[in-house]
């Protein structure tokens, strides 16, 4: 895997990610008759050791929810 910003391969191993404010909201993708927003929260991250960019990743259950929307 390479950094999405600088292309470096110097990345940390998977890190647990936790934040109360960071999430992705997909408008109208929640399904059902009242189309709600789908809220997804990153669960893990990798950090570039060259430029400091933080790459966030969803857990498997949120990826499935996104695919099903």
N, C-alpha and C. Protein backbone atom coordinates (compact mmCIF):
# COMPACT_ATOMS: atom_id res chain seq x y z
N UNK A 1 0.84 -1.17 0.00
CA UNK A 1 0.00 0.00 0.00
C UNK A 1 0.89 1.24 0.00
N UNK A 2 0.45 2.26 -0.70
CA UNK A 2 1.19 3.52 -0.77
C UNK A 2 0.35 4.66 -0.20
N UNK A 3 1.04 5.71 0.23
CA UNK A 3 0.36 6.90 0.72
C UNK A 3 -0.45 7.52 -0.41
N UNK A 4 -1.68 7.91 -0.09
CA UNK A 4 -2.56 8.53 -1.08
C UNK A 4 -2.11 9.93 -1.47
N UNK A 5 -1.25 10.56 -0.69
CA UNK A 5 -0.81 11.92 -0.98
C UNK A 5 0.55 11.96 -1.67
N UNK A 6 1.56 11.33 -1.04
CA UNK A 6 2.92 11.46 -1.58
C UNK A 6 3.42 10.21 -2.28
N UNK A 7 2.70 9.10 -2.18
CA UNK A 7 3.11 7.86 -2.85
C UNK A 7 4.14 7.04 -2.09
N UNK A 8 4.52 7.47 -0.91
CA UNK A 8 5.51 6.75 -0.12
C UNK A 8 4.97 5.40 0.33
N UNK A 9 5.86 4.43 0.47
CA UNK A 9 5.49 3.13 1.00
C UNK A 9 5.81 3.01 2.49
N UNK A 10 6.30 4.10 3.09
CA UNK A 10 6.67 4.11 4.51
C UNK A 10 5.43 4.42 5.34
N UNK A 11 4.63 3.38 5.60
CA UNK A 11 3.40 3.54 6.35
C UNK A 11 3.47 2.74 7.65
N UNK A 12 2.75 3.20 8.67
CA UNK A 12 2.65 2.43 9.90
C UNK A 12 1.82 1.18 9.64
N UNK A 13 1.87 0.26 10.57
CA UNK A 13 0.96 -0.88 10.55
C UNK A 13 -0.43 -0.36 10.87
N UNK A 14 -1.44 -1.22 10.76
CA UNK A 14 -2.80 -0.82 11.08
C UNK A 14 -2.87 -0.31 12.52
N UNK A 15 -3.53 0.82 12.70
CA UNK A 15 -3.71 1.43 14.01
C UNK A 15 -5.19 1.53 14.31
N UNK A 16 -5.60 1.27 15.53
CA UNK A 16 -6.99 1.46 15.93
C UNK A 16 -7.29 2.95 15.87
N UNK A 17 -8.42 3.31 15.29
CA UNK A 17 -8.81 4.71 15.17
C UNK A 17 -10.09 4.94 15.95
N UNK A 18 -10.09 6.01 16.73
CA UNK A 18 -11.28 6.33 17.52
C UNK A 18 -11.45 7.84 17.56
N UNK A 19 -12.65 8.29 17.24
CA UNK A 19 -12.97 9.71 17.31
C UNK A 19 -14.48 9.86 17.45
N UNK A 20 -14.91 10.84 18.22
CA UNK A 20 -16.33 11.09 18.39
C UNK A 20 -16.87 12.02 17.32
N UNK A 21 -15.99 12.67 16.56
CA UNK A 21 -16.45 13.67 15.59
C UNK A 21 -16.25 13.27 14.14
N UNK A 22 -15.37 12.35 13.84
CA UNK A 22 -15.08 12.00 12.46
C UNK A 22 -16.02 10.91 11.97
N UNK A 23 -16.74 11.22 10.91
CA UNK A 23 -17.61 10.23 10.28
C UNK A 23 -17.89 10.66 8.85
N UNK A 24 -18.41 9.73 8.08
CA UNK A 24 -18.81 10.00 6.70
C UNK A 24 -20.32 9.84 6.65
N UNK A 25 -21.01 10.83 6.10
CA UNK A 25 -22.47 10.76 5.98
C UNK A 25 -22.82 10.67 4.50
N UNK A 26 -23.45 9.54 4.10
CA UNK A 26 -23.87 9.32 2.73
C UNK A 26 -25.36 9.67 2.66
N UNK A 27 -25.67 10.78 2.03
CA UNK A 27 -27.05 11.29 1.99
C UNK A 27 -28.00 10.30 1.31
N UNK A 28 -29.10 9.99 1.98
CA UNK A 28 -30.16 9.18 1.40
C UNK A 28 -29.82 7.72 1.17
N UNK A 29 -28.74 7.21 1.75
CA UNK A 29 -28.33 5.83 1.47
C UNK A 29 -28.71 4.87 2.58
N UNK A 30 -29.47 5.33 3.58
CA UNK A 30 -29.81 4.47 4.70
C UNK A 30 -30.88 3.44 4.41
N UNK A 31 -31.56 3.56 3.29
CA UNK A 31 -32.58 2.58 2.90
C UNK A 31 -33.89 2.78 3.65
N UNK A 32 -34.82 1.90 3.37
CA UNK A 32 -36.13 1.97 4.00
C UNK A 32 -37.03 2.97 3.30
N UNK A 33 -38.27 3.05 3.76
CA UNK A 33 -39.22 3.94 3.11
C UNK A 33 -38.94 5.40 3.43
N UNK A 34 -38.33 5.68 4.58
CA UNK A 34 -37.85 7.04 4.87
C UNK A 34 -36.35 7.00 4.65
N UNK A 35 -35.92 7.46 3.51
CA UNK A 35 -34.51 7.37 3.14
C UNK A 35 -33.66 8.22 4.06
N UNK A 36 -33.01 7.56 5.00
CA UNK A 36 -32.16 8.25 5.96
C UNK A 36 -30.72 8.27 5.46
N UNK A 37 -29.93 9.13 6.10
CA UNK A 37 -28.51 9.16 5.77
C UNK A 37 -27.82 7.95 6.40
N UNK A 38 -26.81 7.44 5.72
CA UNK A 38 -26.00 6.35 6.23
C UNK A 38 -24.75 6.97 6.86
N UNK A 39 -24.54 6.74 8.14
CA UNK A 39 -23.38 7.29 8.84
C UNK A 39 -22.35 6.20 9.06
N UNK A 40 -21.13 6.43 8.61
CA UNK A 40 -20.05 5.45 8.69
C UNK A 40 -18.89 6.07 9.47
N UNK A 41 -18.30 5.28 10.37
CA UNK A 41 -17.17 5.77 11.15
C UNK A 41 -15.94 4.92 10.90
N UNK A 42 -14.81 5.55 10.58
CA UNK A 42 -13.58 4.79 10.38
C UNK A 42 -13.20 4.04 11.66
N UNK A 43 -12.66 2.83 11.49
CA UNK A 43 -12.26 2.01 12.63
C UNK A 43 -10.75 1.85 12.75
N UNK A 44 -10.04 2.01 11.63
CA UNK A 44 -8.60 1.86 11.69
C UNK A 44 -7.92 2.82 10.74
N UNK A 45 -6.62 3.00 10.93
CA UNK A 45 -5.88 3.99 10.15
C UNK A 45 -4.46 3.51 9.88
N UNK A 46 -3.88 4.11 8.89
CA UNK A 46 -2.44 4.00 8.62
C UNK A 46 -1.92 5.42 8.46
N UNK A 47 -0.71 5.66 8.92
CA UNK A 47 -0.12 6.99 8.89
C UNK A 47 1.16 6.95 8.06
N UNK A 48 1.29 7.91 7.14
CA UNK A 48 2.50 7.99 6.32
C UNK A 48 3.64 8.57 7.17
N UNK A 49 4.75 7.85 7.20
CA UNK A 49 5.90 8.29 7.99
C UNK A 49 6.73 9.35 7.27
N UNK A 50 6.41 9.63 6.00
CA UNK A 50 7.13 10.67 5.27
C UNK A 50 6.41 12.01 5.28
N UNK A 51 5.10 12.02 5.04
CA UNK A 51 4.38 13.30 4.97
C UNK A 51 3.36 13.49 6.09
N UNK A 52 3.07 12.45 6.87
CA UNK A 52 2.14 12.57 7.98
C UNK A 52 0.67 12.39 7.64
N UNK A 53 0.36 12.11 6.38
CA UNK A 53 -1.04 11.92 5.99
C UNK A 53 -1.63 10.73 6.74
N UNK A 54 -2.87 10.90 7.23
CA UNK A 54 -3.57 9.83 7.94
C UNK A 54 -4.64 9.27 7.01
N UNK A 55 -4.55 7.99 6.71
CA UNK A 55 -5.52 7.32 5.86
C UNK A 55 -6.47 6.53 6.76
N UNK A 56 -7.76 6.82 6.67
CA UNK A 56 -8.77 6.17 7.50
C UNK A 56 -9.49 5.09 6.72
N UNK A 57 -9.87 4.01 7.43
CA UNK A 57 -10.52 2.87 6.80
C UNK A 57 -11.73 2.43 7.60
N UNK A 58 -12.79 2.03 6.90
CA UNK A 58 -13.98 1.51 7.54
C UNK A 58 -13.75 0.05 7.93
N UNK A 59 -14.51 -0.41 8.91
CA UNK A 59 -14.52 -1.82 9.27
C UNK A 59 -15.37 -2.60 8.28
N UNK A 60 -15.27 -3.92 8.33
CA UNK A 60 -15.97 -4.78 7.38
C UNK A 60 -17.49 -4.60 7.44
N UNK A 61 -18.06 -4.41 8.62
CA UNK A 61 -19.51 -4.28 8.72
C UNK A 61 -20.00 -3.00 8.05
N UNK A 62 -19.25 -1.90 8.18
CA UNK A 62 -19.65 -0.65 7.52
C UNK A 62 -19.46 -0.74 6.01
N UNK A 63 -18.46 -1.46 5.55
CA UNK A 63 -18.28 -1.65 4.10
C UNK A 63 -19.48 -2.41 3.54
N UNK A 64 -19.94 -3.45 4.26
CA UNK A 64 -21.13 -4.19 3.83
C UNK A 64 -22.36 -3.29 3.80
N UNK A 65 -22.54 -2.46 4.83
CA UNK A 65 -23.68 -1.54 4.88
C UNK A 65 -23.64 -0.58 3.69
N UNK A 66 -22.46 -0.09 3.34
CA UNK A 66 -22.31 0.83 2.21
C UNK A 66 -22.64 0.13 0.89
N UNK A 67 -22.16 -1.11 0.73
CA UNK A 67 -22.45 -1.88 -0.48
C UNK A 67 -23.94 -2.15 -0.62
N UNK A 68 -24.61 -2.39 0.50
CA UNK A 68 -26.05 -2.72 0.49
C UNK A 68 -26.94 -1.51 0.28
N UNK A 69 -26.38 -0.31 0.41
CA UNK A 69 -27.22 0.91 0.30
C UNK A 69 -27.54 1.25 -1.15
